């Protein structure tokens, strides 16, 4: 669904994030109009540890934050655990 980014093969997660940021208007239209971009590498602090989620948005209708963690490889169960941790933080 992100073909409009026109990324050369192979690409890294960093390249994907930079292409999304460069094409933010198209990306927001693709995921839905109720999203507001809040930042990249969004800082989360838990205790004395720092964590960063790739992209964070606010959904106006749902009145909630939406975190996006970019991955370019196949899904791994630990990705879900990491995202749940970010959402709790």
Protein backbone atom coordinates (compact mmCIF):
# COMPACT_ATOMS: atom_id res chain seq x y z
CA UNK A 1 0.00 0.00 0.00
CA UNK A 2 3.02 2.28 0.17
CA UNK A 3 4.09 1.94 -3.45
CA UNK A 4 3.90 5.72 -3.85
CA UNK A 5 7.08 5.95 -1.78
CA UNK A 6 9.00 4.44 -4.71
CA UNK A 7 11.71 2.90 -2.55
CA UNK A 8 14.55 1.11 -4.33
CA UNK A 9 15.18 -2.52 -3.38
CA UNK A 10 16.64 -3.34 -0.93
CA UNK A 11 15.82 -0.67 1.62
CA UNK A 12 16.19 -0.31 5.37
CA UNK A 13 13.67 0.73 8.02
CA UNK A 14 15.44 4.10 8.18
CA UNK A 15 14.87 4.59 4.43
CA UNK A 16 11.19 3.67 4.84
CA UNK A 17 10.74 6.19 7.67
CA UNK A 18 12.46 8.99 5.75
CA UNK A 19 10.34 8.27 2.65
CA UNK A 20 7.14 8.37 4.74
CA UNK A 21 8.16 11.68 6.30
CA UNK A 22 8.99 13.13 2.88
CA UNK A 23 5.59 12.02 1.56
CA UNK A 24 3.57 12.70 4.73
CA UNK A 25 0.50 14.09 2.93
CA UNK A 26 0.18 10.99 0.74
CA UNK A 27 0.84 8.72 3.73
CA UNK A 28 -1.86 10.41 5.83
CA UNK A 29 -4.35 10.10 2.97
CA UNK A 30 -3.49 6.41 2.74
CA UNK A 31 -4.05 5.67 6.46
CA UNK A 32 -7.02 8.03 6.90
CA UNK A 33 -7.80 11.70 7.27
CA UNK A 34 -8.33 11.77 11.04
CA UNK A 35 -4.65 11.42 11.88
CA UNK A 36 -2.38 14.27 12.99
CA UNK A 37 1.37 13.69 12.79
CA UNK A 38 3.04 14.40 16.13
CA UNK A 39 6.62 13.32 15.58
CA UNK A 40 9.29 10.83 14.68
CA UNK A 41 11.58 8.99 17.07
CA UNK A 42 9.06 9.89 19.78
CA UNK A 43 10.76 9.75 23.18
CA UNK A 44 9.35 7.56 25.94
CA UNK A 45 10.99 7.43 29.34
CA UNK A 46 10.32 4.52 31.68
CA UNK A 47 12.20 4.87 34.91
CA UNK A 48 15.73 5.83 33.95
CA UNK A 49 15.54 4.16 30.53
CA UNK A 50 14.83 5.92 27.23
CA UNK A 51 12.89 4.36 24.35
CA UNK A 52 11.83 5.70 20.97
CA UNK A 53 8.93 4.76 18.75
CA UNK A 54 9.36 5.41 15.01
CA UNK A 55 6.27 7.55 14.36
CA UNK A 56 3.46 8.86 16.52
CA UNK A 57 0.11 10.27 15.47
CA UNK A 58 -3.01 11.54 17.19
CA UNK A 59 -6.39 10.26 15.95
CA UNK A 60 -8.93 13.10 16.22
CA UNK A 61 -12.11 11.02 16.24
CA UNK A 62 -10.86 8.39 18.68
CA UNK A 63 -9.01 10.98 20.80
CA UNK A 64 -5.97 8.75 21.25
CA UNK A 65 -2.33 8.43 20.33
CA UNK A 66 -1.32 5.94 17.64
CA UNK A 67 2.26 4.67 17.62
CA UNK A 68 3.81 3.15 14.50
CA UNK A 69 6.89 0.99 14.76
CA UNK A 70 8.30 0.36 11.28
CA UNK A 71 9.58 -3.12 10.37
CA UNK A 72 10.57 -4.33 6.93
CA UNK A 73 11.04 -8.02 7.69
CA UNK A 74 8.52 -10.74 8.54
CA UNK A 75 6.49 -10.38 11.71
CA UNK A 76 8.08 -11.69 14.91
CA UNK A 77 6.15 -12.13 18.18
CA UNK A 78 8.58 -9.89 20.04
CA UNK A 79 7.43 -6.97 17.86
CA UNK A 80 3.99 -7.22 19.46
CA UNK A 81 5.51 -7.24 22.95
CA UNK A 82 7.60 -4.18 22.13
CA UNK A 83 4.55 -2.31 20.81
CA UNK A 84 2.46 -3.24 23.86
CA UNK A 85 5.27 -1.92 26.06
CA UNK A 86 5.34 1.37 24.11
CA UNK A 87 1.57 1.77 24.34
CA UNK A 88 1.60 1.18 28.10
CA UNK A 89 4.42 3.70 28.52
